[in-house]
PDB file of N, CA and C in Angstrom:
ATOM      1  N   MET A   1       0.813  -1.196   0.000  1.00  0.00           N
ATOM      2  CA  MET A   1       0.000   0.000   0.000  1.00  0.00           C
ATOM      3  C   MET A   1       0.855   1.258   0.000  1.00  0.00           C
ATOM      4  N   GLY A   2       2.056   1.179   0.481  1.00  0.00           N
ATOM      5  CA  GLY A   2       2.929   2.345   0.540  1.00  0.00           C
ATOM      6  C   GLY A   2       3.243   2.887  -0.843  1.00  0.00           C
ATOM      7  N   PHE A   3       3.472   1.974  -1.797  1.00  0.00           N
ATOM      8  CA  PHE A   3       3.779   2.411  -3.156  1.00  0.00           C
ATOM      9  C   PHE A   3       2.582   3.094  -3.797  1.00  0.00           C
ATOM     10  N   LEU A   4       1.398   2.513  -3.607  1.00  0.00           N
ATOM     11  CA  LEU A   4       0.191   3.090  -4.184  1.00  0.00           C
ATOM     12  C   LEU A   4      -0.075   4.471  -3.599  1.00  0.00           C
ATOM     13  N   SER A   5       0.108   4.595  -2.327  1.00  0.00           N
ATOM     14  CA  SER A   5      -0.081   5.885  -1.668  1.00  0.00           C
ATOM     15  C   SER A   5       0.914   6.922  -2.183  1.00  0.00           C
ATOM     16  N   SER A   6       2.149   6.504  -2.368  1.00  0.00           N
ATOM     17  CA  SER A   6       3.162   7.424  -2.901  1.00  0.00           C
ATOM     18  C   SER A   6       2.845   7.824  -4.342  1.00  0.00           C
ATOM     19  N   ALA A   7       2.377   6.879  -5.128  1.00  0.00           N
ATOM     20  CA  ALA A   7       2.029   7.181  -6.520  1.00  0.00           C
ATOM     21  C   ALA A   7       0.859   8.163  -6.575  1.00  0.00           C
ATOM     22  N   GLN A   8      -0.130   7.952  -5.724  1.00  0.00           N
ATOM     23  CA  GLN A   8      -1.265   8.862  -5.688  1.00  0.00           C
ATOM     24  C   GLN A   8      -0.835  10.255  -5.246  1.00  0.00           C
ATOM     25  N   ALA A   9       0.059  10.322  -4.292  1.00  0.00           N
ATOM     26  CA  ALA A   9       0.548  11.620  -3.826  1.00  0.00           C
ATOM     27  C   ALA A   9       1.300  12.340  -4.937  1.00  0.00           C
ATOM     28  N   LEU A  10       2.081  11.613  -5.719  1.00  0.00           N
ATOM     29  CA  LEU A  10       2.811  12.231  -6.829  1.00  0.00           C
ATOM     30  C   LEU A  10       1.860  12.719  -7.917  1.00  0.00           C
ATOM     31  N   VAL A  11       0.835  11.944  -8.225  1.00  0.00           N
ATOM     32  CA  VAL A  11      -0.146  12.357  -9.235  1.00  0.00           C
ATOM     33  C   VAL A  11      -0.882  13.595  -8.755  1.00  0.00           C
ATOM     34  N   PHE A  12      -1.288  13.605  -7.494  1.00  0.00           N
ATOM     35  CA  PHE A  12      -1.980  14.766  -6.951  1.00  0.00           C
ATOM     36  C   PHE A  12      -1.078  16.001  -6.972  1.00  0.00           C
ATOM     37  N   LEU A  13       0.185  15.830  -6.621  1.00  0.00           N
ATOM     38  CA  LEU A  13       1.125  16.950  -6.659  1.00  0.00           C
ATOM     39  C   LEU A  13       1.280  17.474  -8.078  1.00  0.00           C
ATOM     40  N   ALA A  14       1.406  16.577  -9.037  1.00  0.00           N
ATOM     41  CA  ALA A  14       1.554  17.000 -10.435  1.00  0.00           C
ATOM     42  C   ALA A  14       0.312  17.749 -10.915  1.00  0.00           C
ATOM     43  N   LEU A  15      -0.873  17.255 -10.562  1.00  0.00           N
ATOM     44  CA  LEU A  15      -2.102  17.934 -10.980  1.00  0.00           C
ATOM     45  C   LEU A  15      -2.246  19.297 -10.310  1.00  0.00           C
ATOM     46  N   SER A  16      -1.877  19.386  -9.038  1.00  0.00           N
ATOM     47  CA  SER A  16      -1.997  20.674  -8.360  1.00  0.00           C
ATOM     48  C   SER A  16      -0.977  21.676  -8.907  1.00  0.00           C
ATOM     49  N   LEU A  17       0.194  21.209  -9.311  1.00  0.00           N
ATOM     50  CA  LEU A  17       1.159  22.108  -9.951  1.00  0.00           C
ATOM     51  C   LEU A  17       0.673  22.537 -11.329  1.00  0.00           C
ATOM     52  N   LEU A  18      -0.009  21.646 -12.024  1.00  0.00           N
ATOM     53  CA  LEU A  18      -0.587  21.990 -13.324  1.00  0.00           C
ATOM     54  C   LEU A  18      -1.650  23.081 -13.173  1.00  0.00           C
ATOM     55  N   VAL A  19      -2.491  22.954 -12.154  1.00  0.00           N
ATOM     56  CA  VAL A  19      -3.513  23.972 -11.896  1.00  0.00           C
ATOM     57  C   VAL A  19      -2.850  25.300 -11.552  1.00  0.00           C
ATOM     58  N   LEU A  20      -1.806  25.263 -10.741  1.00  0.00           N
ATOM     59  CA  LEU A  20      -1.085  26.494 -10.395  1.00  0.00           C
ATOM     60  C   LEU A  20      -0.499  27.138 -11.645  1.00  0.00           C
ATOM     61  N   GLY A  21       0.113  26.349 -12.502  1.00  0.00           N
ATOM     62  CA  GLY A  21       0.664  26.883 -13.741  1.00  0.00           C
ATOM     63  C   GLY A  21      -0.391  27.498 -14.633  1.00  0.00           C
ATOM     64  N   LEU A  22      -1.533  26.834 -14.738  1.00  0.00           N
ATOM     65  CA  LEU A  22      -2.649  27.355 -15.530  1.00  0.00           C
ATOM     66  C   LEU A  22      -3.105  28.710 -14.994  1.00  0.00           C
ATOM     67  N   CYS A  23      -3.220  28.815 -13.681  1.00  0.00           N
ATOM     68  CA  CYS A  23      -3.657  30.073 -13.060  1.00  0.00           C
ATOM     69  C   CYS A  23      -2.632  31.185 -13.256  1.00  0.00           C
ATOM     70  N   VAL A  24      -1.363  30.851 -13.137  1.00  0.00           N
ATOM     71  CA  VAL A  24      -0.314  31.865 -13.310  1.00  0.00           C
ATOM     72  C   VAL A  24      -0.293  32.364 -14.752  1.00  0.00           C
ATOM     73  N   VAL A  25      -0.415  31.463 -15.706  1.00  0.00           N
ATOM     74  CA  VAL A  25      -0.429  31.861 -17.125  1.00  0.00           C
ATOM     75  C   VAL A  25      -1.606  32.793 -17.398  1.00  0.00           C
ATOM     76  N   ALA A  26      -2.770  32.449 -16.885  1.00  0.00           N
ATOM     77  CA  ALA A  26      -3.947  33.288 -17.098  1.00  0.00           C
ATOM     78  C   ALA A  26      -3.788  34.646 -16.430  1.00  0.00           C
ATOM     79  N   LEU A  27      -3.264  34.671 -15.209  1.00  0.00           N
ATOM     80  CA  LEU A  27      -3.079  35.933 -14.487  1.00  0.00           C
ATOM     81  C   LEU A  27      -2.079  36.837 -15.196  1.00  0.00           C
ATOM     82  N   VAL A  28      -0.970  36.286 -15.636  1.00  0.00           N
ATOM     83  CA  VAL A  28       0.042  37.090 -16.340  1.00  0.00           C
ATOM     84  C   VAL A  28      -0.512  37.617 -17.653  1.00  0.00           C
ATOM     85  N   ASP A  29      -1.248  36.791 -18.378  1.00  0.00           N
ATOM     86  CA  ASP A  29      -1.829  37.241 -19.636  1.00  0.00           C
ATOM     87  C   ASP A  29      -2.828  38.373 -19.404  1.00  0.00           C
ATOM     88  N   ALA A  30      -3.672  38.236 -18.397  1.00  0.00           N
ATOM     89  CA  ALA A  30      -4.653  39.290 -18.105  1.00  0.00           C
ATOM     90  C   ALA A  30      -3.970  40.584 -17.682  1.00  0.00           C
ATOM     91  N   ALA A  31      -2.894  40.468 -16.941  1.00  0.00           N
ATOM     92  CA  ALA A  31      -2.176  41.660 -16.484  1.00  0.00           C
ATOM     93  C   ALA A  31      -1.517  42.405 -17.642  1.00  0.00           C
ATOM     94  N   ARG A  32      -1.117  41.685 -18.676  1.00  0.00           N
ATOM     95  CA  ARG A  32      -0.430  42.300 -19.811  1.00  0.00           C
ATOM     96  C   ARG A  32      -1.379  42.931 -20.830  1.00  0.00           C
ATOM     97  N   ARG A  33      -2.650  42.622 -20.759  1.00  0.00           N
ATOM     98  CA  ARG A  33      -3.617  43.164 -21.712  1.00  0.00           C
ATOM     99  C   ARG A  33      -4.069  44.558 -21.284  1.00  0.00           C
ATOM    100  N   PRO A  34      -4.332  45.447 -22.242  1.00  0.00           N
ATOM    101  CA  PRO A  34      -4.839  46.779 -21.873  1.00  0.00           C
ATOM    102  C   PRO A  34      -6.279  46.693 -21.368  1.00  0.00           C
ATOM    103  N   ALA A  35      -6.612  47.586 -20.453  1.00  0.00           N
ATOM    104  CA  ALA A  35      -7.951  47.578 -19.854  1.00  0.00           C
ATOM    105  C   ALA A  35      -9.034  47.812 -20.903  1.00  0.00           C
ATOM    106  N   SER A  36      -8.745  48.617 -21.905  1.00  0.00           N
ATOM    107  CA  SER A  36      -9.743  48.918 -22.935  1.00  0.00           C
ATOM    108  C   SER A  36     -10.105  47.691 -23.768  1.00  0.00           C
ATOM    109  N   ALA A  37      -9.202  46.720 -23.861  1.00  0.00           N
ATOM    110  CA  ALA A  37      -9.480  45.517 -24.652  1.00  0.00           C
ATOM    111  C   ALA A  37     -10.614  44.696 -24.043  1.00  0.00           C
ATOM    112  N   PHE A  38     -10.716  44.711 -22.728  1.00  0.00           N
ATOM    113  CA  PHE A  38     -11.756  43.922 -22.065  1.00  0.00           C
ATOM    114  C   PHE A  38     -13.146  44.474 -22.385  1.00  0.00           C
ATOM    115  N   THR A  39     -13.288  45.783 -22.274  1.00  0.00           N
ATOM    116  CA  THR A  39     -14.595  46.368 -22.567  1.00  0.00           C
ATOM    117  C   THR A  39     -14.891  46.335 -24.066  1.00  0.00           C
ATOM    118  N   ALA A  40     -13.873  46.525 -24.898  1.00  0.00           N
ATOM    119  CA  ALA A  40     -14.081  46.467 -26.347  1.00  0.00           C
ATOM    120  C   ALA A  40     -14.478  45.061 -26.793  1.00  0.00           C
ATOM    121  N   GLY A  41     -13.976  44.048 -26.097  1.00  0.00           N
ATOM    122  CA  GLY A  41     -14.310  42.667 -26.426  1.00  0.00           C
ATOM    123  C   GLY A  41     -15.629  42.207 -25.829  1.00  0.00           C
ATOM    124  N   GLY A  42     -16.302  43.098 -25.090  1.00  0.00           N
ATOM    125  CA  GLY A  42     -17.592  42.757 -24.511  1.00  0.00           C
ATOM    126  C   GLY A  42     -17.498  41.862 -23.287  1.00  0.00           C
ATOM    127  N   LYS A  43     -16.379  41.933 -22.578  1.00  0.00           N
ATOM    128  CA  LYS A  43     -16.174  41.098 -21.395  1.00  0.00           C
ATOM    129  C   LYS A  43     -16.142  41.965 -20.142  1.00  0.00           C
ATOM    130  N   ARG A  44     -16.081  41.318 -18.990  1.00  0.00           N
ATOM    131  CA  ARG A  44     -15.981  42.048 -17.730  1.00  0.00           C
ATOM    132  C   ARG A  44     -14.683  42.851 -17.722  1.00  0.00           C
ATOM    133  N   THR A  45     -14.543  43.757 -16.763  1.00  0.00           N
ATOM    134  CA  THR A  45     -13.396  44.658 -16.735  1.00  0.00           C
ATOM    135  C   THR A  45     -12.103  43.919 -16.397  1.00  0.00           C
ATOM    136  N   LYS A  46     -11.010  44.584 -16.700  1.00  0.00           N
ATOM    137  CA  LYS A  46      -9.703  44.017 -16.397  1.00  0.00           C
ATOM    138  C   LYS A  46      -9.544  43.805 -14.897  1.00  0.00           C
ATOM    139  N   ASN A  47      -9.991  44.769 -14.096  1.00  0.00           N
ATOM    140  CA  ASN A  47      -9.855  44.624 -12.642  1.00  0.00           C
ATOM    141  C   ASN A  47     -10.642  43.420 -12.126  1.00  0.00           C
ATOM    142  N   PHE A  48     -11.804  43.168 -12.696  1.00  0.00           N
ATOM    143  CA  PHE A  48     -12.583  41.993 -12.309  1.00  0.00           C
ATOM    144  C   PHE A  48     -11.788  40.719 -12.570  1.00  0.00           C
ATOM    145  N   TRP A  49     -11.233  40.599 -13.776  1.00  0.00           N
ATOM    146  CA  TRP A  49     -10.497  39.386 -14.126  1.00  0.00           C
ATOM    147  C   TRP A  49      -9.197  39.270 -13.345  1.00  0.00           C
ATOM    148  N   LEU A  50      -8.542  40.394 -13.074  1.00  0.00           N
ATOM    149  CA  LEU A  50      -7.335  40.323 -12.247  1.00  0.00           C
ATOM    150  C   LEU A  50      -7.673  39.844 -10.841  1.00  0.00           C
ATOM    151  N   ALA A  51      -8.793  40.293 -10.299  1.00  0.00           N
ATOM    152  CA  ALA A  51      -9.199  39.852  -8.959  1.00  0.00           C
ATOM    153  C   ALA A  51      -9.538  38.360  -8.957  1.00  0.00           C
ATOM    154  N   VAL A  52     -10.329  37.931  -9.935  1.00  0.00           N
ATOM    155  CA  VAL A  52     -10.709  36.517 -10.008  1.00  0.00           C
ATOM    156  C   VAL A  52      -9.480  35.632 -10.185  1.00  0.00           C
ATOM    157  N   LEU A  53      -8.616  36.016 -11.100  1.00  0.00           N
ATOM    158  CA  LEU A  53      -7.436  35.194 -11.374  1.00  0.00           C
ATOM    159  C   LEU A  53      -6.404  35.287 -10.255  1.00  0.00           C
ATOM    160  N   GLY A  54      -6.331  36.424  -9.583  1.00  0.00           N
ATOM    161  CA  GLY A  54      -5.425  36.552  -8.437  1.00  0.00           C
ATOM    162  C   GLY A  54      -5.850  35.645  -7.298  1.00  0.00           C
ATOM    163  N   VAL A  55      -7.139  35.632  -6.995  1.00  0.00           N
ATOM    164  CA  VAL A  55      -7.651  34.746  -5.943  1.00  0.00           C
ATOM    165  C   VAL A  55      -7.474  33.285  -6.370  1.00  0.00           C
ATOM    166  N   SER A  56      -7.730  32.990  -7.628  1.00  0.00           N
ATOM    167  CA  SER A  56      -7.554  31.625  -8.126  1.00  0.00           C
ATOM    168  C   SER A  56      -6.101  31.174  -8.007  1.00  0.00           C
ATOM    169  N   THR A  57      -5.178  32.055  -8.332  1.00  0.00           N
ATOM    170  CA  THR A  57      -3.762  31.716  -8.229  1.00  0.00           C
ATOM    171  C   THR A  57      -3.359  31.503  -6.776  1.00  0.00           C
ATOM    172  N   ALA A  58      -3.855  32.340  -5.881  1.00  0.00           N
ATOM    173  CA  ALA A  58      -3.547  32.174  -4.457  1.00  0.00           C
ATOM    174  C   ALA A  58      -4.099  30.848  -3.932  1.00  0.00           C
ATOM    175  N   ILE A  59      -5.316  30.514  -4.319  1.00  0.00           N
ATOM    176  CA  ILE A  59      -5.910  29.242  -3.887  1.00  0.00           C
ATOM    177  C   ILE A  59      -5.120  28.069  -4.453  1.00  0.00           C
ATOM    178  N   ALA A  60      -4.733  28.168  -5.715  1.00  0.00           N
ATOM    179  CA  ALA A  60      -3.955  27.089  -6.325  1.00  0.00           C
ATOM    180  C   ALA A  60      -2.596  26.951  -5.646  1.00  0.00           C
ATOM    181  N   PHE A  61      -1.995  28.058  -5.265  1.00  0.00           N
ATOM    182  CA  PHE A  61      -0.700  28.011  -4.581  1.00  0.00           C
ATOM    183  C   PHE A  61      -0.837  27.345  -3.215  1.00  0.00           C
ATOM    184  N   ILE A  62      -1.871  27.726  -2.478  1.00  0.00           N
ATOM    185  CA  ILE A  62      -2.092  27.130  -1.159  1.00  0.00           C
ATOM    186  C   ILE A  62      -2.422  25.645  -1.286  1.00  0.00           C
ATOM    187  N   GLY A  63      -3.108  25.283  -2.361  1.00  0.00           N
ATOM    188  CA  GLY A  63      -3.538  23.905  -2.550  1.00  0.00           C
ATOM    189  C   GLY A  63      -2.496  22.953  -3.083  1.00  0.00           C
ATOM    190  N   VAL A  64      -1.294  23.432  -3.414  1.00  0.00           N
ATOM    191  CA  VAL A  64      -0.257  22.539  -3.943  1.00  0.00           C
ATOM    192  C   VAL A  64       0.084  21.502  -2.872  1.00  0.00           C
ATOM    193  N   GLY A  65      -0.203  20.257  -3.183  1.00  0.00           N
ATOM    194  CA  GLY A  65       0.100  19.165  -2.275  1.00  0.00           C
ATOM    195  C   GLY A  65      -0.845  19.043  -1.091  1.00  0.00           C
ATOM    196  N   ASN A  66      -1.891  19.855  -1.031  1.00  0.00           N
ATOM    197  CA  ASN A  66      -2.831  19.843   0.091  1.00  0.00           C
ATOM    198  C   ASN A  66      -4.175  19.326  -0.415  1.00  0.00           C
ATOM    199  N   SER A  67      -4.487  18.089  -0.117  1.00  0.00           N
ATOM    200  CA  SER A  67      -5.712  17.483  -0.643  1.00  0.00           C
ATOM    201  C   SER A  67      -6.980  18.109  -0.064  1.00  0.00           C
ATOM    202  N   GLY A  68      -6.868  18.857   1.017  1.00  0.00           N
ATOM    203  CA  GLY A  68      -8.029  19.524   1.586  1.00  0.00           C
ATOM    204  C   GLY A  68      -8.547  20.654   0.714  1.00  0.00           C
ATOM    205  N   PHE A  69      -7.719  21.123  -0.190  1.00  0.00           N
ATOM    206  CA  PHE A  69      -8.097  22.226  -1.069  1.00  0.00           C
ATOM    207  C   PHE A  69      -8.479  21.740  -2.463  1.00  0.00           C
ATOM    208  N   LEU A  70      -8.750  20.466  -2.610  1.00  0.00           N
ATOM    209  CA  LEU A  70      -9.031  19.905  -3.929  1.00  0.00           C
ATOM    210  C   LEU A  70     -10.227  20.577  -4.587  1.00  0.00           C
ATOM    211  N   PHE A  71     -11.306  20.759  -3.847  1.00  0.00           N
ATOM    212  CA  PHE A  71     -12.500  21.394  -4.408  1.00  0.00           C
ATOM    213  C   PHE A  71     -12.192  22.813  -4.863  1.00  0.00           C
ATOM    214  N   PHE A  72     -11.448  23.555  -4.056  1.00  0.00           N
ATOM    215  CA  PHE A  72     -11.103  24.935  -4.403  1.00  0.00           C
ATOM    216  C   PHE A  72     -10.128  24.991  -5.574  1.00  0.00           C
ATOM    217  N   ALA A  73      -9.253  23.994  -5.674  1.00  0.00           N
ATOM    218  CA  ALA A  73      -8.329  23.938  -6.808  1.00  0.00           C
ATOM    219  C   ALA A  73      -9.092  23.716  -8.109  1.00  0.00           C
ATOM    220  N   VAL A  74     -10.143  22.936  -8.066  1.00  0.00           N
ATOM    221  CA  VAL A  74     -10.967  22.715  -9.253  1.00  0.00           C
ATOM    222  C   VAL A  74     -11.640  24.022  -9.666  1.00  0.00           C
ATOM    223  N   ILE A  75     -12.153  24.764  -8.687  1.00  0.00           N
ATOM    224  CA  ILE A  75     -12.779  26.060  -8.985  1.00  0.00           C
ATOM    225  C   ILE A  75     -11.746  27.022  -9.578  1.00  0.00           C
ATOM    226  N   ALA A  76     -10.532  27.022  -9.038  1.00  0.00           N
ATOM    227  CA  ALA A  76      -9.462  27.882  -9.562  1.00  0.00           C
ATOM    228  C   ALA A  76      -9.140  27.501 -11.004  1.00  0.00           C
ATOM    229  N   ALA A  77      -9.083  26.213 -11.287  1.00  0.00           N
ATOM    230  CA  ALA A  77      -8.791  25.756 -12.644  1.00  0.00           C
ATOM    231  C   ALA A  77      -9.909  26.157 -13.607  1.00  0.00           C
ATOM    232  N   VAL A  78     -11.140  26.100 -13.144  1.00  0.00           N
ATOM    233  CA  VAL A  78     -12.268  26.497 -13.995  1.00  0.00           C
ATOM    234  C   VAL A  78     -12.200  27.988 -14.300  1.00  0.00           C
ATOM    235  N   ALA A  79     -11.903  28.799 -13.296  1.00  0.00           N
ATOM    236  CA  ALA A  79     -11.814  30.249 -13.517  1.00  0.00           C
ATOM    237  C   ALA A  79     -10.711  30.582 -14.526  1.00  0.00           C
ATOM    238  N   ALA A  80      -9.543  29.966 -14.369  1.00  0.00           N
ATOM    239  CA  ALA A  80      -8.444  30.217 -15.304  1.00  0.00           C
ATOM    240  C   ALA A  80      -8.787  29.708 -16.697  1.00  0.00           C
ATOM    241  N   SER A  81      -9.451  28.575 -16.771  1.00  0.00           N
ATOM    242  CA  SER A  81      -9.833  28.015 -18.074  1.00  0.00           C
ATOM    243  C   SER A  81     -10.858  28.899 -18.778  1.00  0.00           C
ATOM    244  N   VAL A  82     -11.806  29.438 -18.031  1.00  0.00           N
ATOM    245  CA  VAL A  82     -12.799  30.340 -18.635  1.00  0.00           C
ATOM    246  C   VAL A  82     -12.094  31.552 -19.218  1.00  0.00           C
ATOM    247  N   TYR A  83     -11.134  32.099 -18.472  1.00  0.00           N
ATOM    248  CA  TYR A  83     -10.398  33.256 -18.997  1.00  0.00           C
ATOM    249  C   TYR A  83      -9.662  32.864 -20.288  1.00  0.00           C
ATOM    250  N   LEU A  84      -8.919  31.773 -20.247  1.00  0.00           N
ATOM    251  CA  LEU A  84      -8.084  31.404 -21.390  1.00  0.00           C
ATOM    252  C   LEU A  84      -8.885  30.973 -22.615  1.00  0.00           C
ATOM    253  N   VAL A  85     -10.042  30.360 -22.406  1.00  0.00           N
ATOM    254  CA  VAL A  85     -10.814  29.829 -23.527  1.00  0.00           C
ATOM    255  C   VAL A  85     -11.852  30.821 -24.049  1.00  0.00           C
ATOM    256  N   ASP A  86     -12.389  31.659 -23.172  1.00  0.00           N
ATOM    257  CA  ASP A  86     -13.462  32.562 -23.583  1.00  0.00           C
ATOM    258  C   ASP A  86     -13.014  34.017 -23.668  1.00  0.00           C
ATOM    259  N   VAL A  87     -12.399  34.515 -22.619  1.00  0.00           N
ATOM    260  CA  VAL A  87     -12.072  35.938 -22.556  1.00  0.00           C
ATOM    261  C   VAL A  87     -10.864  36.280 -23.426  1.00  0.00           C
ATOM    262  N   LYS A  88      -9.801  35.521 -23.320  1.00  0.00           N
ATOM    263  CA  LYS A  88      -8.577  35.832 -24.064  1.00  0.00           C
ATOM    264  C   LYS A  88      -8.812  35.915 -25.578  1.00  0.00           C
ATOM    265  N   PRO A  89      -9.501  34.949 -26.203  1.00  0.00           N
ATOM    266  CA  PRO A  89      -9.746  35.082 -27.642  1.00  0.00           C
ATOM    267  C   PRO A  89     -10.632  36.284 -27.997  1.00  0.00           C
ATOM    268  N   ALA A  90     -11.536  36.658 -27.089  1.00  0.00           N
ATOM    269  CA  ALA A  90     -12.427  37.784 -27.372  1.00  0.00           C
ATOM    270  C   ALA A  90     -11.701  39.117 -27.299  1.00  0.00           C
ATOM    271  N   ILE A  91     -10.703  39.232 -26.434  1.00  0.00           N
ATOM    272  CA  ILE A  91     -10.005  40.507 -26.270  1.00  0.00           C
ATOM    273  C   ILE A  91      -8.733  40.592 -27.098  1.00  0.00           C
ATOM    274  N   ALA A  92      -8.287  39.490 -27.666  1.00  0.00           N
ATOM    275  CA  ALA A  92      -7.040  39.482 -28.433  1.00  0.00           C
ATOM    276  C   ALA A  92      -7.023  40.488 -29.580  1.00  0.00           C
ATOM    277  N   PRO A  93      -8.099  40.635 -30.365  1.00  0.00           N
ATOM    278  CA  PRO A  93      -8.046  41.605 -31.469  1.00  0.00           C
ATOM    279  C   PRO A  93      -7.902  43.057 -31.000  1.00  0.00           C
ATOM    280  N   TYR A  94      -8.245  43.332 -29.748  1.00  0.00           N
ATOM    281  CA  TYR A  94      -8.207  44.696 -29.233  1.00  0.00           C
ATOM    282  C   TYR A  94      -6.980  44.962 -28.368  1.00  0.00           C
ATOM    283  N   SER A  95      -6.078  44.008 -28.312  1.00  0.00           N
ATOM    284  CA  SER A  95      -4.928  44.141 -27.418  1.00  0.00           C
ATOM    285  C   SER A  95      -3.774  44.911 -28.035  1.00  0.00           C
ATOM    286  N   GLY A  96      -3.796  45.134 -29.330  1.00  0.00           N
ATOM    287  CA  GLY A  96      -2.735  45.905 -29.973  1.00  0.00           C
ATOM    288  C   GLY A  96      -1.393  45.208 -29.964  1.00  0.00           C
ATOM    289  N   ARG A  97      -1.424  43.898 -30.118  1.00  0.00           N
ATOM    290  CA  ARG A  97      -0.201  43.116 -30.065  1.00  0.00           C
ATOM    291  C   ARG A  97       0.262  42.682 -31.426  1.00  0.00           C
ATOM    292  N   GLY A  98       0.273  43.323 -32.432  1.00  0.00           N
ATOM    293  CA  GLY A  98       0.839  42.846 -33.688  1.00  0.00           C
ATOM    294  C   GLY A  98       0.178  41.575 -34.201  1.00  0.00           C
ATOM    295  N   GLY A  99       0.328  41.366 -35.491  1.00  0.00           N
ATOM    296  CA  GLY A  99      -0.320  40.218 -36.105  1.00  0.00           C
ATOM    297  C   GLY A  99       0.571  39.003 -36.139  1.00  0.00           C
ATOM    298  N   SER A 100       0.188  38.066 -36.981  1.00  0.00           N
ATOM    299  CA  SER A 100       0.896  36.803 -37.066  1.00  0.00           C
ATOM    300  C   SER A 100       2.003  36.823 -38.088  1.00  0.00           C
ATOM    301  N   GLY A 101       2.218  37.955 -38.722  1.00  0.00           N
ATOM    302  CA  GLY A 101       3.253  38.005 -39.749  1.00  0.00           C
ATOM    303  C   GLY A 101       2.754  37.601 -41.118  1.00  0.00           C
ATOM    304  N   GLY A 102       1.446  37.506 -41.269  1.00  0.00           N
ATOM    305  CA  GLY A 102       0.858  37.111 -42.540  1.00  0.00           C
ATOM    306  C   GLY A 102       0.894  38.268 -43.531  1.00  0.00           C
ATOM    307  N   PRO A 103       0.181  38.145 -44.645  1.00  0.00           N
ATOM    308  CA  PRO A 103       0.174  39.207 -45.657  1.00  0.00           C
ATOM    309  C   PRO A 103      -0.297  40.545 -45.074  1.00  0.00           C
ATOM    310  N   GLY A 104       0.503  41.540 -45.284  1.00  0.00           N
ATOM    311  CA  GLY A 104       0.191  42.864 -44.789  1.00  0.00           C
ATOM    312  C   GLY A 104       0.513  43.071 -43.318  1.00  0.00           C
ATOM    313  N   GLY A 105       0.947  42.021 -42.655  1.00  0.00           N
ATOM    314  CA  GLY A 105       1.241  42.102 -41.224  1.00  0.00           C
ATOM    315  C   GLY A 105       2.704  42.414 -40.989  1.00  0.00           C
ATOM    316  N   PRO A 106       3.139  42.330 -39.738  1.00  0.00           N
ATOM    317  CA  PRO A 106       4.542  42.583 -39.429  1.00  0.00           C
ATOM    318  C   PRO A 106       5.449  41.627 -40.195  1.00  0.00           C
ATOM    319  N   GLY A 107       6.608  42.074 -40.530  1.00  0.00           N
ATOM    320  CA  GLY A 107       7.555  41.253 -41.270  1.00  0.00           C
ATOM    321  C   GLY A 107       7.542  41.555 -42.755  1.00  0.00           C
ATOM    322  N   ARG A 108       6.541  42.301 -43.212  1.00  0.00           N
ATOM    323  CA  ARG A 108       6.500  42.682 -44.624  1.00  0.00           C
ATOM    324  C   ARG A 108       7.422  43.881 -44.829  1.00  0.00           C
ATOM    325  N   TRP A 109       7.903  44.049 -46.042  1.00  0.00           N
ATOM    326  CA  TRP A 109       8.807  45.164 -46.326  1.00  0.00           C
ATOM    327  C   TRP A 109       8.017  46.376 -46.489  1.00  0.00           C
TER     328      TRP A 109
END
């Protein structure tokens, strides 16, 4: 049983670190976007998303290796996923970050 318990602990640690990484990526991305992009994209304000993602990141950090925070880690992962899947694509055109280098984009002479 010791091996199984150790394997489960390692899997849980890896998943909780994955959730923390997801939250950090979402928080950093939201912090780098201009506030006007959020309203132009029809989403909640930048401060709202920074607060949600900041709390999510803090919960994910506290929950690393702590199985008592599993439910809260899931909520943190959902919040970060909603930002990355729904909000980020909606505000990307308004972020003023250059194009992909395609025709007429950066990299042309």
